[in-house]
Amino acid sequence: MSAVAVAMVPGSAQAVDWDHGPLYDRGKHAAAYIEERGDYLRVCDIKSDGKKAWVNVFDYYSGDLVYSLTDTKNDGKCSYRDASDGGKYNLAENQKFDVIVSHEPSDNSGSYHFQFLNDH
């Protein structure tokens, strides 16, 4: 039996049932969660080391950076974005994305790469 991560998204009355996550960087400094329906992305700094956690979202086919999201403190408050934020946060449907979960330093040596198809 597996556990399902459900979280209330700030400013929202709905719970999010994450499709993907937690996705950790190699040192478990950062955790990311993705819910395709509504294009929710959450990143959490999960280690009290003074280094920020971040997620970069790339268009899988072009390699272009779509957006970055950071969380700077291991304080239990994660950073969120979703389609309701509009623009670049409203990810294209039936498009594949490459997500990189990482933390400082920015050399990406401890990064985790994950691809997903935003199909709902």
PDB file of N, CA and C in Angstrom:
ATOM      1  N   MET A   1       0.846  -1.165   0.000  1.00  0.00           N
ATOM      2  CA  MET A   1       0.000   0.000   0.000  1.00  0.00           C
ATOM      3  C   MET A   1       0.895   1.233   0.000  1.00  0.00           C
ATOM      4  N   SER A   2       0.578   2.184  -0.834  1.00  0.00           N
ATOM      5  CA  SER A   2       1.389   3.398  -0.900  1.00  0.00           C
ATOM      6  C   SER A   2       0.622   4.572  -0.323  1.00  0.00           C
ATOM      7  N   ALA A   3       1.368   5.515   0.169  1.00  0.00           N
ATOM      8  CA  ALA A   3       0.774   6.727   0.726  1.00  0.00           C
ATOM      9  C   ALA A   3       0.541   7.727  -0.382  1.00  0.00           C
ATOM     10  N   VAL A   4      -0.499   8.499  -0.256  1.00  0.00           N
ATOM     11  CA  VAL A   4      -0.812   9.539  -1.224  1.00  0.00           C
ATOM     12  C   VAL A   4      -0.656  10.879  -0.525  1.00  0.00           C
ATOM     13  N   ALA A   5       0.091  11.776  -1.141  1.00  0.00           N
ATOM     14  CA  ALA A   5       0.295  13.104  -0.567  1.00  0.00           C
ATOM     15  C   ALA A   5      -0.864  14.003  -0.974  1.00  0.00           C
ATOM     16  N   VAL A   6      -1.563  14.510  -0.003  1.00  0.00           N
ATOM     17  CA  VAL A   6      -2.663  15.436  -0.252  1.00  0.00           C
ATOM     18  C   VAL A   6      -2.361  16.703   0.526  1.00  0.00           C
ATOM     19  N   ALA A   7      -2.473  17.831  -0.130  1.00  0.00           N
ATOM     20  CA  ALA A   7      -2.153  19.096   0.530  1.00  0.00           C
ATOM     21  C   ALA A   7      -3.158  20.150   0.128  1.00  0.00           C
ATOM     22  N   MET A   8      -3.412  21.054   1.035  1.00  0.00           N
ATOM     23  CA  MET A   8      -4.226  22.214   0.709  1.00  0.00           C
ATOM     24  C   MET A   8      -3.299  23.250   0.090  1.00  0.00           C
ATOM     25  N   VAL A   9      -3.709  23.778  -1.020  1.00  0.00           N
ATOM     26  CA  VAL A   9      -2.917  24.801  -1.687  1.00  0.00           C
ATOM     27  C   VAL A   9      -3.349  26.154  -1.144  1.00  0.00           C
ATOM     28  N   PRO A  10      -2.380  26.995  -0.730  1.00  0.00           N
ATOM     29  CA  PRO A  10      -2.723  28.307  -0.187  1.00  0.00           C
ATOM     30  C   PRO A  10      -3.622  29.090  -1.132  1.00  0.00           C
ATOM     31  N   GLY A  11      -4.622  29.745  -0.567  1.00  0.00           N
ATOM     32  CA  GLY A  11      -5.517  30.556  -1.384  1.00  0.00           C
ATOM     33  C   GLY A  11      -6.545  29.733  -2.126  1.00  0.00           C
ATOM     34  N   SER A  12      -6.638  28.454  -1.801  1.00  0.00           N
ATOM     35  CA  SER A  12      -7.542  27.572  -2.502  1.00  0.00           C
ATOM     36  C   SER A  12      -8.314  26.738  -1.497  1.00  0.00           C
ATOM     37  N   ALA A  13      -9.550  26.425  -1.817  1.00  0.00           N
ATOM     38  CA  ALA A  13     -10.363  25.602  -0.934  1.00  0.00           C
ATOM     39  C   ALA A  13     -10.286  24.136  -1.325  1.00  0.00           C
ATOM     40  N   GLN A  14      -9.465  23.804  -2.291  1.00  0.00           N
ATOM     41  CA  GLN A  14      -9.413  22.419  -2.745  1.00  0.00           C
ATOM     42  C   GLN A  14      -8.125  21.735  -2.331  1.00  0.00           C
ATOM     43  N   ALA A  15      -8.231  20.425  -2.146  1.00  0.00           N
ATOM     44  CA  ALA A  15      -7.053  19.617  -1.844  1.00  0.00           C
ATOM     45  C   ALA A  15      -6.427  19.178  -3.157  1.00  0.00           C
ATOM     46  N   VAL A  16      -5.122  19.023  -3.153  1.00  0.00           N
ATOM     47  CA  VAL A  16      -4.407  18.575  -4.339  1.00  0.00           C
ATOM     48  C   VAL A  16      -3.918  17.159  -4.083  1.00  0.00           C
ATOM     49  N   ASP A  17      -4.236  16.255  -4.992  1.00  0.00           N
ATOM     50  CA  ASP A  17      -3.771  14.875  -4.939  1.00  0.00           C
ATOM     51  C   ASP A  17      -2.651  14.773  -5.973  1.00  0.00           C
ATOM     52  N   TRP A  18      -1.415  14.835  -5.538  1.00  0.00           N
ATOM     53  CA  TRP A  18      -0.255  14.977  -6.422  1.00  0.00           C
ATOM     54  C   TRP A  18      -0.061  13.746  -7.302  1.00  0.00           C
ATOM     55  N   ASP A  19       0.043  13.963  -8.636  1.00  0.00           N
ATOM     56  CA  ASP A  19       0.327  12.881  -9.587  1.00  0.00           C
ATOM     57  C   ASP A  19       1.755  12.379  -9.444  1.00  0.00           C
ATOM     58  N   HIS A  20       2.682  13.280  -9.211  1.00  0.00           N
ATOM     59  CA  HIS A  20       4.108  12.944  -9.181  1.00  0.00           C
ATOM     60  C   HIS A  20       4.741  13.568  -7.942  1.00  0.00           C
ATOM     61  N   GLY A  21       5.404  12.755  -7.161  1.00  0.00           N
ATOM     62  CA  GLY A  21       6.123  13.278  -6.016  1.00  0.00           C
ATOM     63  C   GLY A  21       5.867  12.489  -4.759  1.00  0.00           C
ATOM     64  N   PRO A  22       6.746  12.673  -3.813  1.00  0.00           N
ATOM     65  CA  PRO A  22       7.822  13.665  -3.856  1.00  0.00           C
ATOM     66  C   PRO A  22       8.959  13.242  -4.784  1.00  0.00           C
ATOM     67  N   LEU A  23       9.502  14.218  -5.480  1.00  0.00           N
ATOM     68  CA  LEU A  23      10.677  14.051  -6.335  1.00  0.00           C
ATOM     69  C   LEU A  23      11.812  14.776  -5.632  1.00  0.00           C
ATOM     70  N   TYR A  24      12.826  14.050  -5.214  1.00  0.00           N
ATOM     71  CA  TYR A  24      13.924  14.628  -4.434  1.00  0.00           C
ATOM     72  C   TYR A  24      15.173  14.850  -5.278  1.00  0.00           C
ATOM     73  N   ASP A  25      15.942  15.878  -4.933  1.00  0.00           N
ATOM     74  CA  ASP A  25      17.292  15.978  -5.479  1.00  0.00           C
ATOM     75  C   ASP A  25      18.115  14.887  -4.788  1.00  0.00           C
ATOM     76  N   ARG A  26      19.325  14.672  -5.236  1.00  0.00           N
ATOM     77  CA  ARG A  26      20.132  13.550  -4.730  1.00  0.00           C
ATOM     78  C   ARG A  26      20.460  13.633  -3.251  1.00  0.00           C
ATOM     79  N   GLY A  27      20.606  14.819  -2.713  1.00  0.00           N
ATOM     80  CA  GLY A  27      20.945  14.963  -1.303  1.00  0.00           C
ATOM     81  C   GLY A  27      19.741  15.114  -0.393  1.00  0.00           C
ATOM     82  N   LYS A  28      18.543  15.017  -0.970  1.00  0.00           N
ATOM     83  CA  LYS A  28      17.289  15.241  -0.242  1.00  0.00           C
ATOM     84  C   LYS A  28      17.291  16.590   0.476  1.00  0.00           C
ATOM     85  N   HIS A  29      17.710  17.616  -0.266  1.00  0.00           N
ATOM     86  CA  HIS A  29      17.623  19.003   0.201  1.00  0.00           C
ATOM     87  C   HIS A  29      16.312  19.625  -0.286  1.00  0.00           C
ATOM     88  N   ALA A  30      15.810  19.122  -1.422  1.00  0.00           N
ATOM     89  CA  ALA A  30      14.634  19.684  -2.078  1.00  0.00           C
ATOM     90  C   ALA A  30      13.650  18.574  -2.421  1.00  0.00           C
ATOM     91  N   ALA A  31      12.369  18.908  -2.357  1.00  0.00           N
ATOM     92  CA  ALA A  31      11.309  17.989  -2.770  1.00  0.00           C
ATOM     93  C   ALA A  31      10.346  18.753  -3.667  1.00  0.00           C
ATOM     94  N   ALA A  32       9.908  18.112  -4.736  1.00  0.00           N
ATOM     95  CA  ALA A  32       8.952  18.728  -5.649  1.00  0.00           C
ATOM     96  C   ALA A  32       7.767  17.794  -5.850  1.00  0.00           C
ATOM     97  N   TYR A  33       6.623  18.411  -6.135  1.00  0.00           N
ATOM     98  CA  TYR A  33       5.386  17.674  -6.364  1.00  0.00           C
ATOM     99  C   TYR A  33       4.699  18.281  -7.578  1.00  0.00           C
ATOM    100  N   ILE A  34       4.083  17.435  -8.403  1.00  0.00           N
ATOM    101  CA  ILE A  34       3.402  17.896  -9.612  1.00  0.00           C
ATOM    102  C   ILE A  34       2.010  17.278  -9.658  1.00  0.00           C
ATOM    103  N   GLU A  35       1.025  18.099  -9.940  1.00  0.00           N
ATOM    104  CA  GLU A  35      -0.339  17.644 -10.217  1.00  0.00           C
ATOM    105  C   GLU A  35      -0.701  18.202 -11.580  1.00  0.00           C
ATOM    106  N   GLU A  36      -0.919  17.310 -12.552  1.00  0.00           N
ATOM    107  CA  GLU A  36      -1.162  17.738 -13.923  1.00  0.00           C
ATOM    108  C   GLU A  36      -2.477  18.503 -14.075  1.00  0.00           C
ATOM    109  N   ARG A  37      -3.531  18.041 -13.429  1.00  0.00           N
ATOM    110  CA  ARG A  37      -4.819  18.730 -13.540  1.00  0.00           C
ATOM    111  C   ARG A  37      -4.732  20.035 -12.746  1.00  0.00           C
ATOM    112  N   GLY A  38      -4.673  21.147 -13.445  1.00  0.00           N
ATOM    113  CA  GLY A  38      -4.506  22.451 -12.807  1.00  0.00           C
ATOM    114  C   GLY A  38      -3.065  22.935 -12.815  1.00  0.00           C
ATOM    115  N   ASP A  39      -2.155  22.096 -13.321  1.00  0.00           N
ATOM    116  CA  ASP A  39      -0.735  22.463 -13.470  1.00  0.00           C
ATOM    117  C   ASP A  39      -0.100  22.922 -12.166  1.00  0.00           C
ATOM    118  N   TYR A  40      -0.428  22.236 -11.082  1.00  0.00           N
ATOM    119  CA  TYR A  40       0.149  22.575  -9.777  1.00  0.00           C
ATOM    120  C   TYR A  40       1.594  22.103  -9.685  1.00  0.00           C
ATOM    121  N   LEU A  41       2.446  22.960  -9.168  1.00  0.00           N
ATOM    122  CA  LEU A  41       3.833  22.611  -8.875  1.00  0.00           C
ATOM    123  C   LEU A  41       4.156  23.149  -7.488  1.00  0.00           C
ATOM    124  N   ARG A  42       4.765  22.308  -6.687  1.00  0.00           N
ATOM    125  CA  ARG A  42       5.168  22.703  -5.332  1.00  0.00           C
ATOM    126  C   ARG A  42       6.622  22.313  -5.157  1.00  0.00           C
ATOM    127  N   VAL A  43       7.425  23.206  -4.573  1.00  0.00           N
ATOM    128  CA  VAL A  43       8.806  22.889  -4.218  1.00  0.00           C
ATOM    129  C   VAL A  43       8.996  23.238  -2.748  1.00  0.00           C
ATOM    130  N   CYS A  44       9.713  22.351  -2.055  1.00  0.00           N
ATOM    131  CA  CYS A  44       9.931  22.527  -0.623  1.00  0.00           C
ATOM    132  C   CYS A  44      11.407  22.371  -0.297  1.00  0.00           C
ATOM    133  N   ASP A  45      11.929  23.322   0.467  1.00  0.00           N
ATOM    134  CA  ASP A  45      13.265  23.193   1.045  1.00  0.00           C
ATOM    135  C   ASP A  45      13.078  22.291   2.263  1.00  0.00           C
ATOM    136  N   ILE A  46      13.727  21.131   2.270  1.00  0.00           N
ATOM    137  CA  ILE A  46      13.488  20.166   3.346  1.00  0.00           C
ATOM    138  C   ILE A  46      14.728  19.899   4.199  1.00  0.00           C
ATOM    139  N   LYS A  47      15.736  20.738   4.048  1.00  0.00           N
ATOM    140  CA  LYS A  47      16.937  20.584   4.862  1.00  0.00           C
ATOM    141  C   LYS A  47      17.351  21.955   5.393  1.00  0.00           C
ATOM    142  N   SER A  48      17.564  22.052   6.682  1.00  0.00           N
ATOM    143  CA  SER A  48      17.940  23.328   7.315  1.00  0.00           C
ATOM    144  C   SER A  48      19.438  23.557   7.183  1.00  0.00           C
ATOM    145  N   ASP A  49      19.846  23.947   5.977  1.00  0.00           N
ATOM    146  CA  ASP A  49      21.269  24.150   5.713  1.00  0.00           C
ATOM    147  C   ASP A  49      21.561  25.531   5.145  1.00  0.00           C
ATOM    148  N   GLY A  50      20.550  26.397   5.083  1.00  0.00           N
ATOM    149  CA  GLY A  50      20.739  27.744   4.565  1.00  0.00           C
ATOM    150  C   GLY A  50      20.801  27.829   3.053  1.00  0.00           C
ATOM    151  N   LYS A  51      20.560  26.714   2.356  1.00  0.00           N
ATOM    152  CA  LYS A  51      20.606  26.698   0.890  1.00  0.00           C
ATOM    153  C   LYS A  51      19.194  26.535   0.345  1.00  0.00           C
ATOM    154  N   LYS A  52      18.865  27.330  -0.678  1.00  0.00           N
ATOM    155  CA  LYS A  52      17.518  27.272  -1.221  1.00  0.00           C
ATOM    156  C   LYS A  52      17.322  26.052  -2.119  1.00  0.00           C
ATOM    157  N   ALA A  53      16.083  25.626  -2.200  1.00  0.00           N
ATOM    158  CA  ALA A  53      15.676  24.538  -3.090  1.00  0.00           C
ATOM    159  C   ALA A  53      14.980  25.155  -4.291  1.00  0.00           C
ATOM    160  N   TRP A  54      15.075  24.516  -5.444  1.00  0.00           N
ATOM    161  CA  TRP A  54      14.358  25.034  -6.596  1.00  0.00           C
ATOM    162  C   TRP A  54      14.009  23.942  -7.584  1.00  0.00           C
ATOM    163  N   VAL A  55      13.061  24.295  -8.447  1.00  0.00           N
ATOM    164  CA  VAL A  55      12.631  23.444  -9.547  1.00  0.00           C
ATOM    165  C   VAL A  55      12.665  24.297 -10.803  1.00  0.00           C
ATOM    166  N   ASN A  56      13.232  23.751 -11.863  1.00  0.00           N
ATOM    167  CA  ASN A  56      13.186  24.378 -13.180  1.00  0.00           C
ATOM    168  C   ASN A  56      12.297  23.518 -14.066  1.00  0.00           C
ATOM    169  N   VAL A  57      11.388  24.142 -14.793  1.00  0.00           N
ATOM    170  CA  VAL A  57      10.495  23.444 -15.712  1.00  0.00           C
ATOM    171  C   VAL A  57      10.888  23.844 -17.127  1.00  0.00           C
ATOM    172  N   PHE A  58      11.220  22.845 -17.945  1.00  0.00           N
ATOM    173  CA  PHE A  58      11.639  23.074 -19.325  1.00  0.00           C
ATOM    174  C   PHE A  58      10.657  22.434 -20.292  1.00  0.00           C
ATOM    175  N   ASP A  59      10.486  23.060 -21.460  1.00  0.00           N
ATOM    176  CA  ASP A  59       9.795  22.416 -22.562  1.00  0.00           C
ATOM    177  C   ASP A  59      10.694  21.265 -23.001  1.00  0.00           C
ATOM    178  N   TYR A  60      10.197  20.053 -22.964  1.00  0.00           N
ATOM    179  CA  TYR A  60      11.011  18.869 -23.248  1.00  0.00           C
ATOM    180  C   TYR A  60      11.584  18.893 -24.666  1.00  0.00           C
ATOM    181  N   TYR A  61      10.795  19.347 -25.634  1.00  0.00           N
ATOM    182  CA  TYR A  61      11.214  19.282 -27.034  1.00  0.00           C
ATOM    183  C   TYR A  61      12.152  20.415 -27.439  1.00  0.00           C
ATOM    184  N   SER A  62      11.884  21.638 -26.980  1.00  0.00           N
ATOM    185  CA  SER A  62      12.736  22.767 -27.381  1.00  0.00           C
ATOM    186  C   SER A  62      13.902  22.978 -26.419  1.00  0.00           C
ATOM    187  N   GLY A  63      13.749  22.500 -25.180  1.00  0.00           N
ATOM    188  CA  GLY A  63      14.773  22.734 -24.161  1.00  0.00           C
ATOM    189  C   GLY A  63      14.675  24.104 -23.519  1.00  0.00           C
ATOM    190  N   ASP A  64      13.668  24.900 -23.914  1.00  0.00           N
ATOM    191  CA  ASP A  64      13.499  26.246 -23.365  1.00  0.00           C
ATOM    192  C   ASP A  64      13.000  26.190 -21.922  1.00  0.00           C
ATOM    193  N   LEU A  65      13.545  27.066 -21.086  1.00  0.00           N
ATOM    194  CA  LEU A  65      13.079  27.191 -19.715  1.00  0.00           C
ATOM    195  C   LEU A  65      11.682  27.811 -19.724  1.00  0.00           C
ATOM    196  N   VAL A  66      10.726  27.140 -19.098  1.00  0.00           N
ATOM    197  CA  VAL A  66       9.372  27.672 -18.987  1.00  0.00           C
ATOM    198  C   VAL A  66       9.294  28.564 -17.751  1.00  0.00           C
ATOM    199  N   TYR A  67       9.708  28.041 -16.589  1.00  0.00           N
ATOM    200  CA  TYR A  67       9.802  28.859 -15.380  1.00  0.00           C
ATOM    201  C   TYR A  67      10.584  28.136 -14.299  1.00  0.00           C
ATOM    202  N   SER A  68      10.978  28.902 -13.292  1.00  0.00           N
ATOM    203  CA  SER A  68      11.673  28.384 -12.112  1.00  0.00           C
ATOM    204  C   SER A  68      10.846  28.724 -10.882  1.00  0.00           C
ATOM    205  N   LEU A  69      10.974  27.887  -9.880  1.00  0.00           N
ATOM    206  CA  LEU A  69      10.283  28.104  -8.617  1.00  0.00           C
ATOM    207  C   LEU A  69      11.249  27.757  -7.500  1.00  0.00           C
ATOM    208  N   THR A  70      11.382  28.638  -6.507  1.00  0.00           N
ATOM    209  CA  THR A  70      12.330  28.405  -5.410  1.00  0.00           C
ATOM    210  C   THR A  70      11.626  28.442  -4.060  1.00  0.00           C
ATOM    211  N   ASP A  71      12.239  27.771  -3.101  1.00  0.00           N
ATOM    212  CA  ASP A  71      11.817  27.828  -1.702  1.00  0.00           C
ATOM    213  C   ASP A  71      13.094  28.026  -0.902  1.00  0.00           C
ATOM    214  N   THR A  72      13.123  29.049  -0.064  1.00  0.00           N
ATOM    215  CA  THR A  72      14.383  29.451   0.564  1.00  0.00           C
ATOM    216  C   THR A  72      14.589  28.980   1.992  1.00  0.00           C
ATOM    217  N   LYS A  73      13.542  28.498   2.657  1.00  0.00           N
ATOM    218  CA  LYS A  73      13.694  28.111   4.063  1.00  0.00           C
ATOM    219  C   LYS A  73      12.992  26.794   4.341  1.00  0.00           C
ATOM    220  N   ASN A  74      13.600  25.990   5.184  1.00  0.00           N
ATOM    221  CA  ASN A  74      12.965  24.768   5.656  1.00  0.00           C
ATOM    222  C   ASN A  74      12.065  25.144   6.830  1.00  0.00           C
ATOM    223  N   ASP A  75      10.934  25.794   6.495  1.00  0.00           N
ATOM    224  CA  ASP A  75      10.034  26.294   7.529  1.00  0.00           C
ATOM    225  C   ASP A  75       8.641  25.674   7.445  1.00  0.00           C
ATOM    226  N   GLY A  76       8.501  24.624   6.641  1.00  0.00           N
ATOM    227  CA  GLY A  76       7.208  23.976   6.487  1.00  0.00           C
ATOM    228  C   GLY A  76       6.292  24.670   5.496  1.00  0.00           C
ATOM    229  N   LYS A  77       6.716  25.817   4.989  1.00  0.00           N
ATOM    230  CA  LYS A  77       5.946  26.544   3.987  1.00  0.00           C
ATOM    231  C   LYS A  77       6.643  26.352   2.651  1.00  0.00           C
ATOM    232  N   CYS A  78       5.994  25.705   1.739  1.00  0.00           N
ATOM    233  CA  CYS A  78       6.568  25.450   0.421  1.00  0.00           C
ATOM    234  C   CYS A  78       6.131  26.548  -0.546  1.00  0.00           C
ATOM    235  N   SER A  79       6.746  26.583  -1.721  1.00  0.00           N
ATOM    236  CA  SER A  79       6.368  27.536  -2.760  1.00  0.00           C
ATOM    237  C   SER A  79       5.502  26.821  -3.787  1.00  0.00           C
ATOM    238  N   TYR A  80       4.466  27.514  -4.280  1.00  0.00           N
ATOM    239  CA  TYR A  80       3.487  26.927  -5.188  1.00  0.00           C
ATOM    240  C   TYR A  80       3.281  27.792  -6.419  1.00  0.00           C
ATOM    241  N   ARG A  81       2.910  27.141  -7.512  1.00  0.00           N
ATOM    242  CA  ARG A  81       2.393  27.806  -8.708  1.00  0.00           C
ATOM    243  C   ARG A  81       1.368  26.864  -9.319  1.00  0.00           C
ATOM    244  N   ASP A  82       0.433  27.440 -10.071  1.00  0.00           N
ATOM    245  CA  ASP A  82      -0.536  26.614 -10.784  1.00  0.00           C
ATOM    246  C   ASP A  82      -1.113  27.404 -11.953  1.00  0.00           C
ATOM    247  N   ALA A  83      -1.951  26.735 -12.755  1.00  0.00           N
ATOM    248  CA  ALA A  83      -2.497  27.330 -13.970  1.00  0.00           C
ATOM    249  C   ALA A  83      -3.263  28.618 -13.699  1.00  0.00           C
ATOM    250  N   SER A  84      -3.876  28.737 -12.523  1.00  0.00           N
ATOM    251  CA  SER A  84      -4.648  29.952 -12.232  1.00  0.00           C
ATOM    252  C   SER A  84      -3.764  31.192 -12.120  1.00  0.00           C
ATOM    253  N   ASP A  85      -2.440  31.000 -11.991  1.00  0.00           N
ATOM    254  CA  ASP A  85      -1.511  32.133 -11.995  1.00  0.00           C
ATOM    255  C   ASP A  85      -1.339  32.696 -13.403  1.00  0.00           C
ATOM    256  N   GLY A  86      -1.817  31.963 -14.407  1.00  0.00           N
ATOM    257  CA  GLY A  86      -1.815  32.422 -15.791  1.00  0.00           C
ATOM    258  C   GLY A  86      -0.453  32.396 -16.456  1.00  0.00           C
ATOM    259  N   GLY A  87      -0.431  32.821 -17.713  1.00  0.00           N
ATOM    260  CA  GLY A  87       0.813  32.918 -18.479  1.00  0.00           C
ATOM    261  C   GLY A  87       1.600  31.629 -18.500  1.00  0.00           C
ATOM    262  N   LYS A  88       2.874  31.727 -18.195  1.00  0.00           N
ATOM    263  CA  LYS A  88       3.785  30.587 -18.270  1.00  0.00           C
ATOM    264  C   LYS A  88       3.443  29.470 -17.286  1.00  0.00           C
ATOM    265  N   TYR A  89       2.659  29.773 -16.255  1.00  0.00           N
ATOM    266  CA  TYR A  89       2.296  28.765 -15.257  1.00  0.00           C
ATOM    267  C   TYR A  89       1.143  27.881 -15.723  1.00  0.00           C
ATOM    268  N   ASN A  90       0.452  28.290 -16.777  1.00  0.00           N
ATOM    269  CA  ASN A  90      -0.609  27.489 -17.377  1.00  0.00           C
ATOM    270  C   ASN A  90       0.036  26.639 -18.473  1.00  0.00           C
ATOM    271  N   LEU A  91       0.518  25.463 -18.094  1.00  0.00           N
ATOM    272  CA  LEU A  91       1.287  24.611 -18.999  1.00  0.00           C
ATOM    273  C   LEU A  91       0.416  24.053 -20.120  1.00  0.00           C
ATOM    274  N   ALA A  92       0.999  23.958 -21.306  1.00  0.00           N
ATOM    275  CA  ALA A  92       0.282  23.452 -22.475  1.00  0.00           C
ATOM    276  C   ALA A  92      -0.143  22.002 -22.264  1.00  0.00           C
ATOM    277  N   GLU A  93      -1.361  21.697 -22.706  1.00  0.00           N
ATOM    278  CA  GLU A  93      -1.862  20.325 -22.614  1.00  0.00           C
ATOM    279  C   GLU A  93      -1.205  19.452 -23.680  1.00  0.00           C
ATOM    280  N   ASN A  94      -1.091  18.169 -23.383  1.00  0.00           N
ATOM    281  CA  ASN A  94      -0.486  17.180 -24.278  1.00  0.00           C
ATOM    282  C   ASN A  94       0.928  17.568 -24.686  1.00  0.00           C
ATOM    283  N   GLN A  95       1.612  18.220 -23.794  1.00  0.00           N
ATOM    284  CA  GLN A  95       3.003  18.640 -23.988  1.00  0.00           C
ATOM    285  C   GLN A  95       3.863  17.931 -22.951  1.00  0.00           C
ATOM    286  N   LYS A  96       5.070  17.556 -23.337  1.00  0.00           N
ATOM    287  CA  LYS A  96       5.998  16.904 -22.422  1.00  0.00           C
ATOM    288  C   LYS A  96       6.917  17.963 -21.811  1.00  0.00           C
ATOM    289  N   PHE A  97       7.164  17.828 -20.509  1.00  0.00           N
ATOM    290  CA  PHE A  97       8.013  18.765 -19.781  1.00  0.00           C
ATOM    291  C   PHE A  97       9.120  18.018 -19.050  1.00  0.00           C
ATOM    292  N   ASP A  98      10.256  18.673 -18.928  1.00  0.00           N
ATOM    293  CA  ASP A  98      11.405  18.166 -18.180  1.00  0.00           C
ATOM    294  C   ASP A  98      11.503  19.016 -16.919  1.00  0.00           C
ATOM    295  N   VAL A  99      11.515  18.358 -15.775  1.00  0.00           N
ATOM    296  CA  VAL A  99      11.572  19.044 -14.492  1.00  0.00           C
ATOM    297  C   VAL A  99      12.896  18.700 -13.825  1.00  0.00           C
ATOM    298  N   ILE A 100      13.604  19.711 -13.348  1.00  0.00           N
ATOM    299  CA  ILE A 100      14.861  19.501 -12.635  1.00  0.00           C
ATOM    300  C   ILE A 100      14.676  19.994 -11.207  1.00  0.00           C
ATOM    301  N   VAL A 101      14.876  19.089 -10.258  1.00  0.00           N
ATOM    302  CA  VAL A 101      14.780  19.405  -8.832  1.00  0.00           C
ATOM    303  C   VAL A 101      16.198  19.544  -8.316  1.00  0.00           C
ATOM    304  N   SER A 102      16.512  20.667  -7.661  1.00  0.00           N
ATOM    305  CA  SER A 102      17.889  20.912  -7.242  1.00  0.00           C
ATOM    306  C   SER A 102      17.932  21.823  -6.018  1.00  0.00           C
ATOM    307  N   HIS A 103      19.152  22.138  -5.609  1.00  0.00           N
ATOM    308  CA  HIS A 103      19.403  23.057  -4.495  1.00  0.00           C
ATOM    309  C   HIS A 103      20.735  23.745  -4.756  1.00  0.00           C
ATOM    310  N   GLU A 104      21.036  24.772  -3.965  1.00  0.00           N
ATOM    311  CA  GLU A 104      22.334  25.438  -4.091  1.00  0.00           C
ATOM    312  C   GLU A 104      23.443  24.475  -3.701  1.00  0.00           C
ATOM    313  N   PRO A 105      24.608  24.540  -4.302  1.00  0.00           N
ATOM    314  CA  PRO A 105      25.020  25.451  -5.373  1.00  0.00           C
ATOM    315  C   PRO A 105      24.355  25.076  -6.689  1.00  0.00           C
ATOM    316  N   SER A 106      24.396  25.976  -7.619  1.00  0.00           N
ATOM    317  CA  SER A 106      23.642  25.803  -8.860  1.00  0.00           C
ATOM    318  C   SER A 106      24.388  25.035  -9.941  1.00  0.00           C
ATOM    319  N   ASP A 107      25.357  24.223  -9.567  1.00  0.00           N
ATOM    320  CA  ASP A 107      26.084  23.457 -10.583  1.00  0.00           C
ATOM    321  C   ASP A 107      25.303  22.230 -11.045  1.00  0.00           C
ATOM    322  N   ASN A 108      24.147  21.971 -10.435  1.00  0.00           N
ATOM    323  CA  ASN A 108      23.258  20.866 -10.791  1.00  0.00           C
ATOM    324  C   ASN A 108      23.857  19.488 -10.593  1.00  0.00           C
ATOM    325  N   SER A 109      24.951  19.382  -9.832  1.00  0.00           N
ATOM    326  CA  SER A 109      25.579  18.077  -9.625  1.00  0.00           C
ATOM    327  C   SER A 109      24.689  17.129  -8.831  1.00  0.00           C
ATOM    328  N   GLY A 110      23.802  17.656  -8.012  1.00  0.00           N
ATOM    329  CA  GLY A 110      22.912  16.809  -7.232  1.00  0.00           C
ATOM    330  C   GLY A 110      21.472  16.859  -7.703  1.00  0.00           C
ATOM    331  N   SER A 111      21.267  17.284  -8.931  1.00  0.00           N
ATOM    332  CA  SER A 111      19.916  17.460  -9.463  1.00  0.00           C
ATOM    333  C   SER A 111      19.253  16.133  -9.797  1.00  0.00           C
ATOM    334  N   TYR A 112      17.929  16.173  -9.796  1.00  0.00           N
ATOM    335  CA  TYR A 112      17.129  15.031 -10.230  1.00  0.00           C
ATOM    336  C   TYR A 112      16.305  15.493 -11.419  1.00  0.00           C
ATOM    337  N   HIS A 113      16.325  14.718 -12.502  1.00  0.00           N
ATOM    338  CA  HIS A 113      15.568  15.040 -13.713  1.00  0.00           C
ATOM    339  C   HIS A 113      14.348  14.131 -13.795  1.00  0.00           C
ATOM    340  N   PHE A 114      13.223  14.717 -14.178  1.00  0.00           N
ATOM    341  CA  PHE A 114      11.980  13.971 -14.298  1.00  0.00           C
ATOM    342  C   PHE A 114      11.211  14.520 -15.488  1.00  0.00           C
ATOM    343  N   GLN A 115      10.665  13.649 -16.318  1.00  0.00           N
ATOM    344  CA  GLN A 115       9.843  14.080 -17.448  1.00  0.00           C
ATOM    345  C   GLN A 115       8.404  13.641 -17.207  1.00  0.00           C
ATOM    346  N   PHE A 116       7.477  14.479 -17.646  1.00  0.00           N
ATOM    347  CA  PHE A 116       6.070  14.080 -17.593  1.00  0.00           C
ATOM    348  C   PHE A 116       5.315  14.673 -18.774  1.00  0.00           C
ATOM    349  N   LEU A 117       4.268  13.977 -19.168  1.00  0.00           N
ATOM    350  CA  LEU A 117       3.372  14.437 -20.215  1.00  0.00           C
ATOM    351  C   LEU A 117       2.171  15.080 -19.538  1.00  0.00           C
ATOM    352  N   ASN A 118       1.957  16.353 -19.791  1.00  0.00           N
ATOM    353  CA  ASN A 118       0.834  17.078 -19.185  1.00  0.00           C
ATOM    354  C   ASN A 118      -0.428  16.764 -19.991  1.00  0.00           C
ATOM    355  N   ASP A 119      -1.030  15.616 -19.684  1.00  0.00           N
ATOM    356  CA  ASP A 119      -2.144  15.148 -20.505  1.00  0.00           C
ATOM    357  C   ASP A 119      -3.516  15.295 -19.857  1.00  0.00           C
ATOM    358  N   HIS A 120      -3.603  16.013 -18.745  1.00  0.00           N
ATOM    359  CA  HIS A 120      -4.921  16.324 -18.173  1.00  0.00           C
ATOM    360  C   HIS A 120      -4.834  17.486 -17.208  1.00  0.00           C
TER     361      HIS A 120
END
